[in-house]
Amino acid sequence: MPPKGRAAEILATFTRRVAERGYDATNFSDIAGELGLSKGTIVHHFGTKDRLFAALHESYLRRRLAEAKLIRDRLATPTQRLAGLLYAFVLYQVVDREATVAFQREVVRLADHEAMAEGRRLRAEYLQLVRATLSEGVASGEFRPCDVEVQSLLIFGSAHWAWTWFDPAGPAPAEQVGAQLVDLVLGGLLTRRTRLGGLTGVDGKIAEVVHQSIADTTGS
């Protein structure tokens, strides 16, 4: 369950500061000063800094997993589902910007720490969802045969670094960049490139499903 009250404020402030400054430059004193509370209150809710980061990690991945499952269930074919997931990868740069940047810039932080065990499980679940979509596409003949594990890592690798170059205020909106990622990845996977038609439109079905899935998950 997402944190509420003071815990939610602490997590949100921590998330923003990690996005802006990184994990090392974020400390309890600054968070406490900004929120007008004691460091002891932060410790009461989260214990240690690594556990606060684990809470950030887990809450972020739970949101993404919930959306990914809706996208999967609402789209009919592996091609459509992968297009939706790819589109969402870029859209997160604007719909959940601070948490996305905080997560992506520090995802390897404490990677093997015991506090990150649940985060590792959630990442593995998300990765498996994408790999299952790729495998289904190969099995159905929609995608050419490929190394599913490598392909999934290439996809995640390209999406993961978007925070370093994507500018929400720049000339290319997230929807347009997401459409280009769909074109790039599926253009190389599809056995029939004619299937790309309709997948990359920023006002098309894929975009609509992704936007609605995110809205339904957040309740907005």
C-alpha atoms as a PDB file:
ATOM      1  CA  MET A   1       0.000   0.000   0.000  1.00  0.00           C
ATOM      2  CA  PRO A   2       1.360   3.461  -0.885  1.00  0.00           C
ATOM      3  CA  PRO A   3       2.507   5.534   2.094  1.00  0.00           C
ATOM      4  CA  LYS A   4       0.172   8.209   3.417  1.00  0.00           C
ATOM      5  CA  GLY A   5       0.444  11.416   5.389  1.00  0.00           C
ATOM      6  CA  ARG A   6       3.914  12.370   6.547  1.00  0.00           C
ATOM      7  CA  ALA A   7       5.442   9.210   5.084  1.00  0.00           C
ATOM      8  CA  ALA A   8       4.100  10.125   1.649  1.00  0.00           C
ATOM      9  CA  GLU A   9       5.497  13.656   1.959  1.00  0.00           C
ATOM     10  CA  ILE A  10       8.897  12.318   2.984  1.00  0.00           C
ATOM     11  CA  LEU A  11       8.991   9.857   0.089  1.00  0.00           C
ATOM     12  CA  ALA A  12       7.908  12.510  -2.436  1.00  0.00           C
ATOM     13  CA  THR A  13      10.532  14.981  -1.215  1.00  0.00           C
ATOM     14  CA  PHE A  14      13.233  12.317  -1.204  1.00  0.00           C
ATOM     15  CA  THR A  15      12.238  11.282  -4.739  1.00  0.00           C
ATOM     16  CA  ARG A  16      12.447  14.843  -6.047  1.00  0.00           C
ATOM     17  CA  ARG A  17      15.822  15.458  -4.438  1.00  0.00           C
ATOM     18  CA  VAL A  18      17.273  12.208  -5.778  1.00  0.00           C
ATOM     19  CA  ALA A  19      15.992  13.127  -9.246  1.00  0.00           C
ATOM     20  CA  GLU A  20      17.579  16.561  -9.015  1.00  0.00           C
ATOM     21  CA  ARG A  21      20.801  15.796  -7.158  1.00  0.00           C
ATOM     22  CA  GLY A  22      21.334  12.037  -6.959  1.00  0.00           C
ATOM     23  CA  TYR A  23      21.330   9.672  -4.004  1.00  0.00           C
ATOM     24  CA  ASP A  24      24.658  10.746  -2.501  1.00  0.00           C
ATOM     25  CA  ALA A  25      23.703  14.425  -2.378  1.00  0.00           C
ATOM     26  CA  THR A  26      20.339  13.739  -0.719  1.00  0.00           C
ATOM     27  CA  ASN A  27      20.246  13.602   3.079  1.00  0.00           C
ATOM     28  CA  PHE A  28      17.769  13.449   5.923  1.00  0.00           C
ATOM     29  CA  SER A  29      18.731  16.890   7.255  1.00  0.00           C
ATOM     30  CA  ASP A  30      17.699  18.644   4.047  1.00  0.00           C
ATOM     31  CA  ILE A  31      14.454  16.694   3.814  1.00  0.00           C
ATOM     32  CA  ALA A  32      13.624  17.419   7.435  1.00  0.00           C
ATOM     33  CA  GLY A  33      14.396  21.107   6.987  1.00  0.00           C
ATOM     34  CA  GLU A  34      12.223  21.409   3.902  1.00  0.00           C
ATOM     35  CA  LEU A  35       9.268  19.649   5.508  1.00  0.00           C
ATOM     36  CA  GLY A  36       9.660  21.240   8.934  1.00  0.00           C
ATOM     37  CA  LEU A  37      10.048  17.986  10.825  1.00  0.00           C
ATOM     38  CA  SER A  38      12.804  16.196  12.728  1.00  0.00           C
ATOM     39  CA  LYS A  39      15.190  13.628  11.286  1.00  0.00           C
ATOM     40  CA  GLY A  40      13.755  11.287  13.900  1.00  0.00           C
ATOM     41  CA  THR A  41      10.394  11.436  12.135  1.00  0.00           C
ATOM     42  CA  ILE A  42      12.015  10.229   8.912  1.00  0.00           C
ATOM     43  CA  VAL A  43      13.785   7.450  10.793  1.00  0.00           C
ATOM     44  CA  HIS A  44      10.488   6.504  12.439  1.00  0.00           C
ATOM     45  CA  HIS A  45       8.796   6.040   9.072  1.00  0.00           C
ATOM     46  CA  PHE A  46      11.615   4.558   7.000  1.00  0.00           C
ATOM     47  CA  GLY A  47      14.538   3.682   9.244  1.00  0.00           C
ATOM     48  CA  THR A  48      17.579   4.251   7.061  1.00  0.00           C
ATOM     49  CA  LYS A  49      18.376   6.047   3.824  1.00  0.00           C
ATOM     50  CA  ASP A  50      18.743   2.792   1.928  1.00  0.00           C
ATOM     51  CA  ARG A  51      15.293   1.689   3.101  1.00  0.00           C
ATOM     52  CA  LEU A  52      13.839   4.997   1.982  1.00  0.00           C
ATOM     53  CA  PHE A  53      15.406   4.422  -1.428  1.00  0.00           C
ATOM     54  CA  ALA A  54      13.984   0.892  -1.433  1.00  0.00           C
ATOM     55  CA  ALA A  55      10.520   2.375  -0.820  1.00  0.00           C
ATOM     56  CA  LEU A  56      11.027   4.705  -3.795  1.00  0.00           C
ATOM     57  CA  HIS A  57      12.169   1.777  -5.947  1.00  0.00           C
ATOM     58  CA  GLU A  58       9.287  -0.485  -4.972  1.00  0.00           C
ATOM     59  CA  SER A  59       6.526   2.114  -5.258  1.00  0.00           C
ATOM     60  CA  TYR A  60       7.792   3.118  -8.696  1.00  0.00           C
ATOM     61  CA  LEU A  61       7.911  -0.437 -10.011  1.00  0.00           C
ATOM     62  CA  ARG A  62       4.487  -1.312  -8.623  1.00  0.00           C
ATOM     63  CA  ARG A  63       2.983   1.571 -10.581  1.00  0.00           C
ATOM     64  CA  ARG A  64       4.767   0.535 -13.747  1.00  0.00           C
ATOM     65  CA  LEU A  65       3.772  -3.118 -13.364  1.00  0.00           C
ATOM     66  CA  ALA A  66       0.121  -2.267 -12.805  1.00  0.00           C
ATOM     67  CA  GLU A  67       0.122  -0.161 -15.971  1.00  0.00           C
ATOM     68  CA  ALA A  68       2.001  -2.770 -17.987  1.00  0.00           C
ATOM     69  CA  LYS A  69      -0.526  -5.450 -17.043  1.00  0.00           C
ATOM     70  CA  LEU A  70      -3.412  -3.225 -18.104  1.00  0.00           C
ATOM     71  CA  ILE A  71      -1.673  -2.493 -21.405  1.00  0.00           C
ATOM     72  CA  ARG A  72      -1.113  -6.209 -21.962  1.00  0.00           C
ATOM     73  CA  ASP A  73      -4.728  -7.085 -21.160  1.00  0.00           C
ATOM     74  CA  ARG A  74      -6.230  -4.295 -23.256  1.00  0.00           C
ATOM     75  CA  LEU A  75      -4.306  -4.925 -26.464  1.00  0.00           C
ATOM     76  CA  ALA A  76      -4.978  -7.994 -28.564  1.00  0.00           C
ATOM     77  CA  THR A  77      -1.688  -9.030 -30.182  1.00  0.00           C
ATOM     78  CA  PRO A  78       1.983  -9.267 -29.163  1.00  0.00           C
ATOM     79  CA  THR A  79       2.769  -6.531 -31.694  1.00  0.00           C
ATOM     80  CA  GLN A  80       0.243  -4.152 -30.165  1.00  0.00           C
ATOM     81  CA  ARG A  81       1.289  -5.036 -26.615  1.00  0.00           C
ATOM     82  CA  LEU A  82       4.980  -4.448 -27.257  1.00  0.00           C
ATOM     83  CA  ALA A  83       4.149  -1.176 -29.004  1.00  0.00           C
ATOM     84  CA  GLY A  84       2.170  -0.107 -25.946  1.00  0.00           C
ATOM     85  CA  LEU A  85       4.959  -0.983 -23.539  1.00  0.00           C
ATOM     86  CA  LEU A  86       7.526   0.857 -25.657  1.00  0.00           C
ATOM     87  CA  TYR A  87       5.317   3.908 -25.908  1.00  0.00           C
ATOM     88  CA  ALA A  88       4.831   3.907 -22.131  1.00  0.00           C
ATOM     89  CA  PHE A  89       8.593   3.698 -21.500  1.00  0.00           C
ATOM     90  CA  VAL A  90       9.016   7.170 -22.990  1.00  0.00           C
ATOM     91  CA  LEU A  91       5.770   8.626 -21.691  1.00  0.00           C
ATOM     92  CA  TYR A  92       6.993   8.062 -18.123  1.00  0.00           C
ATOM     93  CA  GLN A  93       9.505  10.838 -18.735  1.00  0.00           C
ATOM     94  CA  VAL A  94       6.607  13.274 -18.380  1.00  0.00           C
ATOM     95  CA  VAL A  95       3.749  11.564 -16.529  1.00  0.00           C
ATOM     96  CA  ASP A  96       5.928  10.512 -13.575  1.00  0.00           C
ATOM     97  CA  ARG A  97       9.049  12.540 -14.277  1.00  0.00           C
ATOM     98  CA  GLU A  98      10.640  12.881 -10.841  1.00  0.00           C
ATOM     99  CA  ALA A  99      10.207   9.240  -9.868  1.00  0.00           C
ATOM    100  CA  THR A 100      11.333   8.062 -13.303  1.00  0.00           C
ATOM    101  CA  VAL A 101      14.532  10.109 -13.202  1.00  0.00           C
ATOM    102  CA  ALA A 102      15.247   9.129  -9.581  1.00  0.00           C
ATOM    103  CA  PHE A 103      14.717   5.462 -10.399  1.00  0.00           C
ATOM    104  CA  GLN A 104      16.691   5.430 -13.633  1.00  0.00           C
ATOM    105  CA  ARG A 105      19.711   7.400 -12.451  1.00  0.00           C
ATOM    106  CA  GLU A 106      20.149   5.291  -9.310  1.00  0.00           C
ATOM    107  CA  VAL A 107      18.750   1.873 -10.254  1.00  0.00           C
ATOM    108  CA  VAL A 108      22.078   0.125  -9.658  1.00  0.00           C
ATOM    109  CA  ARG A 109      22.477   1.781  -6.257  1.00  0.00           C
ATOM    110  CA  LEU A 110      22.425  -0.817  -3.482  1.00  0.00           C
ATOM    111  CA  ALA A 111      21.627  -3.403  -6.157  1.00  0.00           C
ATOM    112  CA  ASP A 112      22.673  -6.315  -3.959  1.00  0.00           C
ATOM    113  CA  HIS A 113      21.591  -4.804  -0.648  1.00  0.00           C
ATOM    114  CA  GLU A 114      19.088  -6.820   1.368  1.00  0.00           C
ATOM    115  CA  ALA A 115      16.742  -3.816   1.441  1.00  0.00           C
ATOM    116  CA  MET A 116      16.396  -4.073  -2.333  1.00  0.00           C
ATOM    117  CA  ALA A 117      15.169  -7.672  -2.421  1.00  0.00           C
ATOM    118  CA  GLU A 118      11.563  -6.736  -3.198  1.00  0.00           C
ATOM    119  CA  GLY A 119      12.706  -4.233  -5.802  1.00  0.00           C
ATOM    120  CA  ARG A 120      14.753  -6.931  -7.513  1.00  0.00           C
ATOM    121  CA  ARG A 121      11.719  -9.220  -7.537  1.00  0.00           C
ATOM    122  CA  LEU A 122       9.543  -6.514  -9.080  1.00  0.00           C
ATOM    123  CA  ARG A 123      12.153  -5.721 -11.747  1.00  0.00           C
ATOM    124  CA  ALA A 124      12.362  -9.406 -12.624  1.00  0.00           C
ATOM    125  CA  GLU A 125       8.573  -9.590 -12.921  1.00  0.00           C
ATOM    126  CA  TYR A 126       8.477  -6.598 -15.250  1.00  0.00           C
ATOM    127  CA  LEU A 127      11.320  -7.957 -17.358  1.00  0.00           C
ATOM    128  CA  GLN A 128       9.539 -11.311 -17.614  1.00  0.00           C
ATOM    129  CA  LEU A 129       6.361  -9.590 -18.821  1.00  0.00           C
ATOM    130  CA  VAL A 130       8.284  -7.949 -21.662  1.00  0.00           C
ATOM    131  CA  ARG A 131      10.115 -11.162 -22.497  1.00  0.00           C
ATOM    132  CA  ALA A 132       6.861 -13.102 -22.571  1.00  0.00           C
ATOM    133  CA  THR A 133       5.466 -10.562 -25.039  1.00  0.00           C
ATOM    134  CA  LEU A 134       8.532 -10.973 -27.248  1.00  0.00           C
ATOM    135  CA  SER A 135       8.313 -14.776 -27.060  1.00  0.00           C
ATOM    136  CA  GLU A 136       4.611 -14.710 -27.952  1.00  0.00           C
ATOM    137  CA  GLY A 137       5.386 -12.528 -30.947  1.00  0.00           C
ATOM    138  CA  VAL A 138       8.039 -14.953 -32.187  1.00  0.00           C
ATOM    139  CA  ALA A 139       5.770 -17.965 -31.611  1.00  0.00           C
ATOM    140  CA  SER A 140       2.894 -16.344 -33.514  1.00  0.00           C
ATOM    141  CA  GLY A 141       5.126 -15.437 -36.450  1.00  0.00           C
ATOM    142  CA  GLU A 142       4.626 -11.710 -35.922  1.00  0.00           C
ATOM    143  CA  PHE A 143       8.270 -11.236 -34.876  1.00  0.00           C
ATOM    144  CA  ARG A 144      11.281 -12.733 -36.547  1.00  0.00           C
ATOM    145  CA  PRO A 145      13.276 -15.237 -34.459  1.00  0.00           C
ATOM    146  CA  CYS A 146      15.562 -13.431 -32.015  1.00  0.00           C
ATOM    147  CA  ASP A 147      17.401 -13.837 -28.744  1.00  0.00           C
ATOM    148  CA  VAL A 148      14.578 -12.719 -26.457  1.00  0.00           C
ATOM    149  CA  GLU A 149      16.835 -12.059 -23.477  1.00  0.00           C
ATOM    150  CA  VAL A 150      19.235  -9.872 -25.443  1.00  0.00           C
ATOM    151  CA  GLN A 151      16.397  -8.094 -27.250  1.00  0.00           C
ATOM    152  CA  SER A 152      14.694  -7.246 -23.959  1.00  0.00           C
ATOM    153  CA  LEU A 153      17.923  -5.863 -22.512  1.00  0.00           C
ATOM    154  CA  LEU A 154      18.488  -3.740 -25.608  1.00  0.00           C
ATOM    155  CA  ILE A 155      14.978  -2.326 -25.229  1.00  0.00           C
ATOM    156  CA  PHE A 156      15.407  -1.573 -21.542  1.00  0.00           C
ATOM    157  CA  GLY A 157      18.855  -0.129 -22.150  1.00  0.00           C
ATOM    158  CA  SER A 158      17.579   2.346 -24.720  1.00  0.00           C
ATOM    159  CA  ALA A 159      14.644   3.406 -22.540  1.00  0.00           C
ATOM    160  CA  HIS A 160      16.633   3.572 -19.312  1.00  0.00           C
ATOM    161  CA  TRP A 161      18.924   6.399 -20.433  1.00  0.00           C
ATOM    162  CA  ALA A 162      16.195   8.647 -21.782  1.00  0.00           C
ATOM    163  CA  TRP A 163      16.358  10.722 -18.601  1.00  0.00           C
ATOM    164  CA  THR A 164      19.842  11.911 -19.627  1.00  0.00           C
ATOM    165  CA  TRP A 165      18.735  13.464 -22.910  1.00  0.00           C
ATOM    166  CA  PHE A 166      14.966  13.824 -23.038  1.00  0.00           C
ATOM    167  CA  ASP A 167      13.761  17.357 -22.291  1.00  0.00           C
ATOM    168  CA  PRO A 168      10.049  17.613 -21.378  1.00  0.00           C
ATOM    169  CA  ALA A 169      10.165  21.241 -22.542  1.00  0.00           C
ATOM    170  CA  GLY A 170      12.011  20.403 -25.757  1.00  0.00           C
ATOM    171  CA  PRO A 171      10.689  20.480 -29.326  1.00  0.00           C
ATOM    172  CA  ALA A 172       9.837  16.754 -29.486  1.00  0.00           C
ATOM    173  CA  PRO A 173       7.036  15.723 -27.080  1.00  0.00           C
ATOM    174  CA  ALA A 174       7.184  12.378 -25.302  1.00  0.00           C
ATOM    175  CA  GLU A 175       4.402  11.007 -27.503  1.00  0.00           C
ATOM    176  CA  GLN A 176       6.447  11.678 -30.620  1.00  0.00           C
ATOM    177  CA  VAL A 177       9.619  10.176 -29.157  1.00  0.00           C
ATOM    178  CA  GLY A 178       7.647   7.144 -27.987  1.00  0.00           C
ATOM    179  CA  ALA A 179       6.275   6.658 -31.480  1.00  0.00           C
ATOM    180  CA  GLN A 180       9.810   6.745 -32.862  1.00  0.00           C
ATOM    181  CA  LEU A 181      10.926   4.105 -30.356  1.00  0.00           C
ATOM    182  CA  VAL A 182       8.031   1.896 -31.461  1.00  0.00           C
ATOM    183  CA  ASP A 183       9.060   2.371 -35.080  1.00  0.00           C
ATOM    184  CA  LEU A 184      12.716   1.607 -34.306  1.00  0.00           C
ATOM    185  CA  VAL A 185      12.167  -1.567 -32.275  1.00  0.00           C
ATOM    186  CA  LEU A 186       9.225  -3.077 -34.114  1.00  0.00           C
ATOM    187  CA  GLY A 187      10.691  -2.096 -37.458  1.00  0.00           C
ATOM    188  CA  GLY A 188      13.498  -4.534 -36.708  1.00  0.00           C
ATOM    189  CA  LEU A 189      11.322  -7.259 -35.193  1.00  0.00           C
ATOM    190  CA  LEU A 190       8.270  -7.503 -37.416  1.00  0.00           C
ATOM    191  CA  THR A 191       8.208 -10.143 -40.127  1.00  0.00           C
ATOM    192  CA  ARG A 192       5.892  -7.823 -42.060  1.00  0.00           C
ATOM    193  CA  ARG A 193       6.692  -4.138 -41.719  1.00  0.00           C
ATOM    194  CA  THR A 194       3.236  -3.266 -43.011  1.00  0.00           C
ATOM    195  CA  ARG A 195       2.016  -4.102 -39.519  1.00  0.00           C
ATOM    196  CA  LEU A 196       3.685  -0.895 -38.330  1.00  0.00           C
ATOM    197  CA  GLY A 197       0.799   1.047 -39.786  1.00  0.00           C
ATOM    198  CA  GLY A 198      -1.373   2.441 -37.037  1.00  0.00           C
ATOM    199  CA  LEU A 199       1.073   1.586 -34.246  1.00  0.00           C
ATOM    200  CA  THR A 200       2.969   4.848 -34.177  1.00  0.00           C
ATOM    201  CA  GLY A 201       0.217   7.444 -34.392  1.00  0.00           C
ATOM    202  CA  VAL A 202       0.291   9.769 -31.386  1.00  0.00           C
ATOM    203  CA  ASP A 203      -3.519   9.893 -31.493  1.00  0.00           C
ATOM    204  CA  GLY A 204      -4.004   6.225 -32.369  1.00  0.00           C
ATOM    205  CA  LYS A 205      -5.258   3.205 -30.443  1.00  0.00           C
ATOM    206  CA  ILE A 206      -1.925   2.323 -28.847  1.00  0.00           C
ATOM    207  CA  ALA A 207      -1.396   5.796 -27.446  1.00  0.00           C
ATOM    208  CA  GLU A 208      -4.990   5.926 -26.226  1.00  0.00           C
ATOM    209  CA  VAL A 209      -4.688   2.613 -24.380  1.00  0.00           C
ATOM    210  CA  VAL A 210      -1.417   3.619 -22.741  1.00  0.00           C
ATOM    211  CA  HIS A 211      -2.759   6.978 -21.580  1.00  0.00           C
ATOM    212  CA  GLN A 212      -5.932   5.353 -20.243  1.00  0.00           C
ATOM    213  CA  SER A 213      -4.011   2.593 -18.452  1.00  0.00           C
ATOM    214  CA  ILE A 214      -1.817   5.150 -16.698  1.00  0.00           C
ATOM    215  CA  ALA A 215      -4.866   7.219 -15.744  1.00  0.00           C
ATOM    216  CA  ASP A 216      -6.722   4.177 -14.425  1.00  0.00           C
ATOM    217  CA  THR A 217      -3.755   3.101 -12.330  1.00  0.00           C
ATOM    218  CA  THR A 218      -3.204   6.507 -10.767  1.00  0.00           C
ATOM    219  CA  GLY A 219      -6.891   7.225 -10.436  1.00  0.00           C
ATOM    220  CA  SER A 220      -6.499  10.498 -12.317  1.00  0.00           C
END
